[in-house]
Amino acid sequence: MEDERIVALYWERSEDAIRQTQSKYDNYCMGIAGRILSNHEDARECVNDTYLAVWNTIPPNRPASLMAYVGKVTRNIAVSCLR
């Protein structure tokens, strides 16, 4: 599914937005969190927290690049977990 459509699903508050984001970006997010944390279970928890954070921030945010947005949220959560 196109990123623009996924963002539109978030704006519609459709739970399918989370499923589509997970389907498209789960491996990407796990890679980011896994490199920071070096622990699969902690990385999985951070990625799950990412989906909730994205749900809670779109709207009001409308990211130009969903991939960059999801990656940044994942990185920030993983760094917070590391601290």
N, C-alpha and C. Protein backbone atom coordinates (compact mmCIF):
# COMPACT_ATOMS: atom_id res chain seq x y z
N MET A 1 0.85 -1.17 0.00
CA MET A 1 0.00 0.00 0.00
C MET A 1 0.90 1.24 0.00
N GLU A 2 0.48 2.27 -0.68
CA GLU A 2 1.23 3.53 -0.75
C GLU A 2 1.23 4.23 0.60
N ASP A 3 2.33 4.90 0.91
CA ASP A 3 2.45 5.60 2.18
C ASP A 3 1.37 6.67 2.35
N GLU A 4 1.04 7.36 1.28
CA GLU A 4 0.02 8.41 1.36
C GLU A 4 -1.32 7.82 1.81
N ARG A 5 -1.63 6.63 1.33
CA ARG A 5 -2.88 5.96 1.72
C ARG A 5 -2.83 5.53 3.18
N ILE A 6 -1.66 5.06 3.62
CA ILE A 6 -1.53 4.65 5.02
C ILE A 6 -1.72 5.87 5.93
N VAL A 7 -1.10 6.99 5.57
CA VAL A 7 -1.27 8.21 6.36
C VAL A 7 -2.74 8.63 6.37
N ALA A 8 -3.40 8.49 5.24
CA ALA A 8 -4.84 8.82 5.18
C ALA A 8 -5.63 7.92 6.13
N LEU A 9 -5.25 6.66 6.25
CA LEU A 9 -5.92 5.75 7.18
C LEU A 9 -5.74 6.22 8.63
N TYR A 10 -4.55 6.72 8.96
CA TYR A 10 -4.35 7.29 10.30
C TYR A 10 -5.28 8.47 10.53
N TRP A 11 -5.40 9.33 9.53
CA TRP A 11 -6.28 10.50 9.66
C TRP A 11 -7.73 10.08 9.79
N GLU A 12 -8.10 8.96 9.18
CA GLU A 12 -9.46 8.43 9.31
C GLU A 12 -9.64 7.66 10.62
N ARG A 13 -8.54 7.48 11.36
CA ARG A 13 -8.52 6.73 12.62
C ARG A 13 -8.89 5.27 12.41
N SER A 14 -8.48 4.73 11.28
CA SER A 14 -8.70 3.33 10.96
C SER A 14 -7.57 2.49 11.54
N GLU A 15 -7.92 1.46 12.30
CA GLU A 15 -6.90 0.59 12.88
C GLU A 15 -6.12 -0.16 11.82
N ASP A 16 -6.64 -0.22 10.61
CA ASP A 16 -5.92 -0.85 9.51
C ASP A 16 -4.61 -0.11 9.22
N ALA A 17 -4.52 1.15 9.61
CA ALA A 17 -3.29 1.92 9.41
C ALA A 17 -2.12 1.27 10.15
N ILE A 18 -2.37 0.81 11.35
CA ILE A 18 -1.31 0.16 12.13
C ILE A 18 -0.90 -1.15 11.47
N ARG A 19 -1.87 -1.92 11.03
CA ARG A 19 -1.56 -3.19 10.37
C ARG A 19 -0.75 -2.96 9.10
N GLN A 20 -1.13 -1.96 8.32
CA GLN A 20 -0.42 -1.66 7.09
C GLN A 20 1.00 -1.16 7.37
N THR A 21 1.15 -0.34 8.40
CA THR A 21 2.47 0.15 8.78
C THR A 21 3.35 -1.01 9.22
N GLN A 22 2.80 -1.87 10.03
CA GLN A 22 3.55 -3.04 10.50
C GLN A 22 3.94 -3.93 9.33
N SER A 23 3.03 -4.17 8.43
CA SER A 23 3.31 -5.01 7.28
C SER A 23 4.44 -4.45 6.43
N LYS A 24 4.44 -3.14 6.26
CA LYS A 24 5.41 -2.51 5.36
C LYS A 24 6.74 -2.21 6.04
N TYR A 25 6.73 -1.83 7.32
CA TYR A 25 7.94 -1.30 7.95
C TYR A 25 8.44 -2.08 9.15
N ASP A 26 7.88 -3.23 9.45
CA ASP A 26 8.29 -3.97 10.64
C ASP A 26 9.77 -4.35 10.59
N ASN A 27 10.24 -4.91 9.49
CA ASN A 27 11.64 -5.30 9.39
C ASN A 27 12.56 -4.09 9.48
N TYR A 28 12.17 -3.00 8.86
CA TYR A 28 12.94 -1.75 8.90
C TYR A 28 13.07 -1.27 10.35
N CYS A 29 11.96 -1.23 11.06
CA CYS A 29 11.97 -0.76 12.46
C CYS A 29 12.75 -1.71 13.35
N MET A 30 12.59 -3.00 13.15
CA MET A 30 13.33 -3.97 13.94
C MET A 30 14.83 -3.83 13.70
N GLY A 31 15.22 -3.51 12.49
CA GLY A 31 16.64 -3.29 12.19
C GLY A 31 17.18 -2.11 12.96
N ILE A 32 16.44 -1.02 12.97
CA ILE A 32 16.87 0.18 13.68
C ILE A 32 16.98 -0.10 15.18
N ALA A 33 15.91 -0.62 15.76
CA ALA A 33 15.89 -0.89 17.20
C ALA A 33 16.91 -1.96 17.58
N GLY A 34 17.06 -2.97 16.74
CA GLY A 34 18.00 -4.06 17.02
C GLY A 34 19.44 -3.59 17.03
N ARG A 35 19.80 -2.69 16.12
CA ARG A 35 21.17 -2.18 16.10
C ARG A 35 21.46 -1.32 17.33
N ILE A 36 20.47 -0.63 17.83
CA ILE A 36 20.67 0.23 19.00
C ILE A 36 20.69 -0.60 20.28
N LEU A 37 19.80 -1.56 20.39
CA LEU A 37 19.62 -2.28 21.65
C LEU A 37 20.35 -3.61 21.74
N SER A 38 20.62 -4.25 20.62
CA SER A 38 21.29 -5.55 20.59
C SER A 38 20.55 -6.61 21.39
N ASN A 39 19.24 -6.47 21.52
CA ASN A 39 18.43 -7.44 22.23
C ASN A 39 17.09 -7.54 21.50
N HIS A 40 16.77 -8.73 21.02
CA HIS A 40 15.58 -8.91 20.20
C HIS A 40 14.29 -8.55 20.95
N GLU A 41 14.18 -8.97 22.19
CA GLU A 41 12.95 -8.72 22.95
C GLU A 41 12.76 -7.22 23.21
N ASP A 42 13.84 -6.54 23.56
CA ASP A 42 13.75 -5.09 23.78
C ASP A 42 13.43 -4.37 22.47
N ALA A 43 14.03 -4.83 21.39
CA ALA A 43 13.76 -4.22 20.08
C ALA A 43 12.29 -4.40 19.70
N ARG A 44 11.75 -5.59 19.93
CA ARG A 44 10.34 -5.85 19.61
C ARG A 44 9.43 -4.94 20.43
N GLU A 45 9.75 -4.76 21.70
CA GLU A 45 8.95 -3.88 22.54
C GLU A 45 9.00 -2.43 22.03
N CYS A 46 10.17 -1.99 21.63
CA CYS A 46 10.31 -0.63 21.09
C CYS A 46 9.52 -0.45 19.80
N VAL A 47 9.55 -1.46 18.95
CA VAL A 47 8.80 -1.37 17.69
C VAL A 47 7.31 -1.34 17.97
N ASN A 48 6.85 -2.14 18.91
CA ASN A 48 5.43 -2.08 19.28
C ASN A 48 5.06 -0.71 19.84
N ASP A 49 5.96 -0.15 20.64
CA ASP A 49 5.73 1.20 21.16
C ASP A 49 5.72 2.23 20.03
N THR A 50 6.49 1.96 18.99
CA THR A 50 6.51 2.85 17.82
C THR A 50 5.13 2.94 17.19
N TYR A 51 4.48 1.79 17.00
CA TYR A 51 3.16 1.80 16.37
C TYR A 51 2.16 2.61 17.19
N LEU A 52 2.23 2.49 18.51
CA LEU A 52 1.34 3.27 19.37
C LEU A 52 1.67 4.76 19.27
N ALA A 53 2.95 5.09 19.27
CA ALA A 53 3.35 6.50 19.18
C ALA A 53 2.93 7.11 17.84
N VAL A 54 3.08 6.36 16.78
CA VAL A 54 2.66 6.86 15.46
C VAL A 54 1.15 7.06 15.45
N TRP A 55 0.41 6.11 16.01
CA TRP A 55 -1.05 6.24 16.10
C TRP A 55 -1.44 7.50 16.86
N ASN A 56 -0.70 7.79 17.93
CA ASN A 56 -1.04 8.95 18.77
C ASN A 56 -0.58 10.28 18.20
N THR A 57 0.30 10.27 17.20
CA THR A 57 0.83 11.53 16.66
C THR A 57 0.37 11.84 15.24
N ILE A 58 -0.27 10.90 14.58
CA ILE A 58 -0.88 11.16 13.26
C ILE A 58 -2.37 10.96 13.43
N PRO A 59 -3.22 11.94 13.32
CA PRO A 59 -2.94 13.36 13.34
C PRO A 59 -2.51 13.82 14.72
N PRO A 60 -1.96 14.98 14.88
CA PRO A 60 -1.98 16.16 14.01
C PRO A 60 -0.87 16.19 12.97
N ASN A 61 0.17 15.38 13.15
CA ASN A 61 1.26 15.40 12.16
C ASN A 61 0.82 14.71 10.88
N ARG A 62 1.33 15.21 9.76
CA ARG A 62 1.12 14.57 8.46
C ARG A 62 2.50 14.47 7.81
N PRO A 63 3.21 13.35 8.09
CA PRO A 63 4.58 13.23 7.61
C PRO A 63 4.67 13.17 6.08
N ALA A 64 5.68 13.85 5.54
CA ALA A 64 5.92 13.80 4.10
C ALA A 64 6.46 12.43 3.70
N SER A 65 7.25 11.83 4.60
CA SER A 65 7.80 10.49 4.37
C SER A 65 7.45 9.62 5.58
N LEU A 66 6.54 8.69 5.37
CA LEU A 66 6.15 7.80 6.47
C LEU A 66 7.33 6.95 6.92
N MET A 67 8.14 6.50 5.98
CA MET A 67 9.30 5.68 6.33
C MET A 67 10.25 6.44 7.26
N ALA A 68 10.57 7.67 6.93
CA ALA A 68 11.46 8.48 7.76
C ALA A 68 10.82 8.75 9.12
N TYR A 69 9.54 9.02 9.12
CA TYR A 69 8.82 9.33 10.36
C TYR A 69 8.83 8.12 11.30
N VAL A 70 8.48 6.97 10.77
CA VAL A 70 8.45 5.74 11.58
C VAL A 70 9.85 5.40 12.06
N GLY A 71 10.84 5.58 11.19
CA GLY A 71 12.22 5.30 11.58
C GLY A 71 12.70 6.21 12.69
N LYS A 72 12.36 7.48 12.61
CA LYS A 72 12.76 8.44 13.64
C LYS A 72 12.10 8.12 14.98
N VAL A 73 10.82 7.79 14.94
CA VAL A 73 10.11 7.43 16.18
C VAL A 73 10.74 6.18 16.78
N THR A 74 11.04 5.19 15.97
CA THR A 74 11.66 3.96 16.45
C THR A 74 13.01 4.25 17.09
N ARG A 75 13.83 5.05 16.40
CA ARG A 75 15.15 5.39 16.92
C ARG A 75 15.04 6.11 18.27
N ASN A 76 14.15 7.07 18.37
CA ASN A 76 14.00 7.83 19.62
C ASN A 76 13.56 6.93 20.77
N ILE A 77 12.63 6.03 20.50
CA ILE A 77 12.17 5.11 21.54
C ILE A 77 13.28 4.16 21.96
N ALA A 78 14.03 3.64 20.97
CA ALA A 78 15.12 2.71 21.28
C ALA A 78 16.21 3.39 22.09
N VAL A 79 16.56 4.63 21.74
CA VAL A 79 17.57 5.37 22.49
C VAL A 79 17.09 5.62 23.91
N SER A 80 15.83 5.96 24.07
CA SER A 80 15.27 6.16 25.42
C SER A 80 15.32 4.87 26.23
N CYS A 81 15.04 3.77 25.58
CA CYS A 81 15.09 2.46 26.25
C CYS A 81 16.54 2.14 26.66
N LEU A 82 17.48 2.47 25.82
CA LEU A 82 18.88 2.20 26.11
C LEU A 82 19.35 2.99 27.32
N ARG A 83 18.89 4.21 27.45
CA ARG A 83 19.27 5.05 28.59
C ARG A 83 18.70 4.48 29.87
